[in-house]
Amino acid sequence: SGPVLMSVADVALYVAILGKIGIVPLAVTTSLNINFLRKPSATERIIAECSLIKVGRTLVVGEVSLYSEGVSDLVAHAVGTYSIPPYTS
């Protein structure tokens, strides 16, 4: 379903971002755009490939390609932005 694909894309971005900058409390999604391209297989897992396009001090932009496992055609493509809170000690 669409909400599942959107959740997978959001989590993939979150993991990629925190893997790059470390654990940052209160890093939040500020936008997530998704294009649903075709119906995924009902019997295969969803695979997400994520890349970070820009990692700034306060914003990170990334994209996620979603596939059905074993199929090379994209199921969906998402672009998202995360807000990174300023560091305070």
C-alpha atoms as a PDB file:
ATOM      1  CA  SER A   1       0.000   0.000   0.000  1.00  0.00           C
ATOM      2  CA  GLY A   2       1.020   3.619  -0.427  1.00  0.00           C
ATOM      3  CA  PRO A   3       1.398   4.311   3.300  1.00  0.00           C
ATOM      4  CA  VAL A   4       3.736   1.320   3.671  1.00  0.00           C
ATOM      5  CA  LEU A   5       5.926   2.476   0.784  1.00  0.00           C
ATOM      6  CA  MET A   6       6.000   5.998   2.212  1.00  0.00           C
ATOM      7  CA  SER A   7       6.983   4.648   5.647  1.00  0.00           C
ATOM      8  CA  VAL A   8       9.779   2.531   4.157  1.00  0.00           C
ATOM      9  CA  ALA A   9      11.132   5.573   2.294  1.00  0.00           C
ATOM     10  CA  ASP A  10      10.986   7.737   5.440  1.00  0.00           C
ATOM     11  CA  VAL A  11      12.757   5.135   7.593  1.00  0.00           C
ATOM     12  CA  ALA A  12      15.423   4.562   4.909  1.00  0.00           C
ATOM     13  CA  LEU A  13      16.182   8.290   4.863  1.00  0.00           C
ATOM     14  CA  TYR A  14      16.222   8.481   8.663  1.00  0.00           C
ATOM     15  CA  VAL A  15      18.681   5.577   8.945  1.00  0.00           C
ATOM     16  CA  ALA A  16      20.935   6.966   6.191  1.00  0.00           C
ATOM     17  CA  ILE A  17      20.991  10.417   7.778  1.00  0.00           C
ATOM     18  CA  LEU A  18      21.714   9.216  11.306  1.00  0.00           C
ATOM     19  CA  GLY A  19      24.324   6.830   9.891  1.00  0.00           C
ATOM     20  CA  LYS A  20      26.054   9.837   8.330  1.00  0.00           C
ATOM     21  CA  ILE A  21      25.771  12.472  11.097  1.00  0.00           C
ATOM     22  CA  GLY A  22      25.310  10.286  14.188  1.00  0.00           C
ATOM     23  CA  ILE A  23      22.383  10.066  16.575  1.00  0.00           C
ATOM     24  CA  VAL A  24      20.698  13.467  16.737  1.00  0.00           C
ATOM     25  CA  PRO A  25      17.611  13.802  18.934  1.00  0.00           C
ATOM     26  CA  LEU A  26      14.663  15.572  17.309  1.00  0.00           C
ATOM     27  CA  ALA A  27      15.799  15.184  13.693  1.00  0.00           C
ATOM     28  CA  VAL A  28      12.470  15.299  11.874  1.00  0.00           C
ATOM     29  CA  THR A  29      11.051  14.926   8.380  1.00  0.00           C
ATOM     30  CA  THR A  30      10.117  18.320   6.952  1.00  0.00           C
ATOM     31  CA  SER A  31       9.000  17.063   3.552  1.00  0.00           C
ATOM     32  CA  LEU A  32       8.583  13.743   1.789  1.00  0.00           C
ATOM     33  CA  ASN A  33       7.469  13.559  -1.839  1.00  0.00           C
ATOM     34  CA  ILE A  34       6.806  10.179  -3.401  1.00  0.00           C
ATOM     35  CA  ASN A  35       5.962   9.089  -6.933  1.00  0.00           C
ATOM     36  CA  PHE A  36       4.225   5.718  -7.147  1.00  0.00           C
ATOM     37  CA  LEU A  37       5.338   4.163 -10.423  1.00  0.00           C
ATOM     38  CA  ARG A  38       3.941   0.624 -10.479  1.00  0.00           C
ATOM     39  CA  LYS A  39       2.295  -1.934  -8.259  1.00  0.00           C
ATOM     40  CA  PRO A  40       4.835  -3.880  -6.176  1.00  0.00           C
ATOM     41  CA  SER A  41       4.829  -7.656  -6.050  1.00  0.00           C
ATOM     42  CA  ALA A  42       2.505  -8.984  -3.355  1.00  0.00           C
ATOM     43  CA  THR A  43       4.878 -11.856  -2.558  1.00  0.00           C
ATOM     44  CA  GLU A  44       8.283 -10.129  -2.508  1.00  0.00           C
ATOM     45  CA  ARG A  45       9.923  -7.819  -0.001  1.00  0.00           C
ATOM     46  CA  ILE A  46      10.309  -4.105  -0.678  1.00  0.00           C
ATOM     47  CA  ILE A  47      13.921  -3.011  -1.116  1.00  0.00           C
ATOM     48  CA  ALA A  48      14.906   0.628  -0.512  1.00  0.00           C
ATOM     49  CA  GLU A  49      18.084   2.160  -1.931  1.00  0.00           C
ATOM     50  CA  CYS A  50      18.833   5.530  -0.378  1.00  0.00           C
ATOM     51  CA  SER A  51      21.354   8.232  -1.195  1.00  0.00           C
ATOM     52  CA  LEU A  52      21.926  11.561   0.487  1.00  0.00           C
ATOM     53  CA  ILE A  53      22.011  14.423  -1.983  1.00  0.00           C
ATOM     54  CA  LYS A  54      23.013  17.231   0.398  1.00  0.00           C
ATOM     55  CA  VAL A  55      24.058  17.114   4.026  1.00  0.00           C
ATOM     56  CA  GLY A  56      23.978  20.574   5.550  1.00  0.00           C
ATOM     57  CA  ARG A  57      24.126  21.845   9.125  1.00  0.00           C
ATOM     58  CA  THR A  58      20.363  22.224   9.483  1.00  0.00           C
ATOM     59  CA  LEU A  59      18.846  20.393   6.490  1.00  0.00           C
ATOM     60  CA  VAL A  60      19.566  17.061   4.817  1.00  0.00           C
ATOM     61  CA  VAL A  61      18.075  16.089   1.455  1.00  0.00           C
ATOM     62  CA  GLY A  62      17.991  12.524   0.200  1.00  0.00           C
ATOM     63  CA  GLU A  63      16.301  10.277  -2.298  1.00  0.00           C
ATOM     64  CA  VAL A  64      15.003   6.721  -2.070  1.00  0.00           C
ATOM     65  CA  SER A  65      14.366   4.228  -4.865  1.00  0.00           C
ATOM     66  CA  LEU A  66      11.928   1.449  -3.921  1.00  0.00           C
ATOM     67  CA  TYR A  67      11.875  -1.941  -5.660  1.00  0.00           C
ATOM     68  CA  SER A  68      10.206  -5.315  -5.285  1.00  0.00           C
ATOM     69  CA  GLU A  69      12.927  -7.801  -4.391  1.00  0.00           C
ATOM     70  CA  GLY A  70      14.323  -9.445  -7.521  1.00  0.00           C
ATOM     71  CA  VAL A  71      12.710  -6.936  -9.907  1.00  0.00           C
ATOM     72  CA  SER A  72      14.776  -4.137 -11.467  1.00  0.00           C
ATOM     73  CA  ASP A  73      11.831  -1.829 -12.265  1.00  0.00           C
ATOM     74  CA  LEU A  74      11.175   0.939  -9.743  1.00  0.00           C
ATOM     75  CA  VAL A  75       8.016   0.662  -7.673  1.00  0.00           C
ATOM     76  CA  ALA A  76       8.309   4.202  -6.280  1.00  0.00           C
ATOM     77  CA  HIS A  77      10.747   7.097  -6.016  1.00  0.00           C
ATOM     78  CA  ALA A  78      10.837   9.468  -3.050  1.00  0.00           C
ATOM     79  CA  VAL A  79      12.705  12.667  -2.198  1.00  0.00           C
ATOM     80  CA  GLY A  80      12.755  13.881   1.370  1.00  0.00           C
ATOM     81  CA  THR A  81      14.166  16.629   3.559  1.00  0.00           C
ATOM     82  CA  TYR A  82      15.015  16.312   7.239  1.00  0.00           C
ATOM     83  CA  SER A  83      15.509  19.171   9.652  1.00  0.00           C
ATOM     84  CA  ILE A  84      18.477  18.807  11.970  1.00  0.00           C
ATOM     85  CA  PRO A  85      18.157  20.784  15.214  1.00  0.00           C
ATOM     86  CA  PRO A  86      21.047  23.085  16.122  1.00  0.00           C
ATOM     87  CA  TYR A  87      23.504  21.577  18.566  1.00  0.00           C
ATOM     88  CA  THR A  88      23.170  22.955  22.078  1.00  0.00           C
ATOM     89  CA  SER A  89      25.326  21.905  25.001  1.00  0.00           C
END
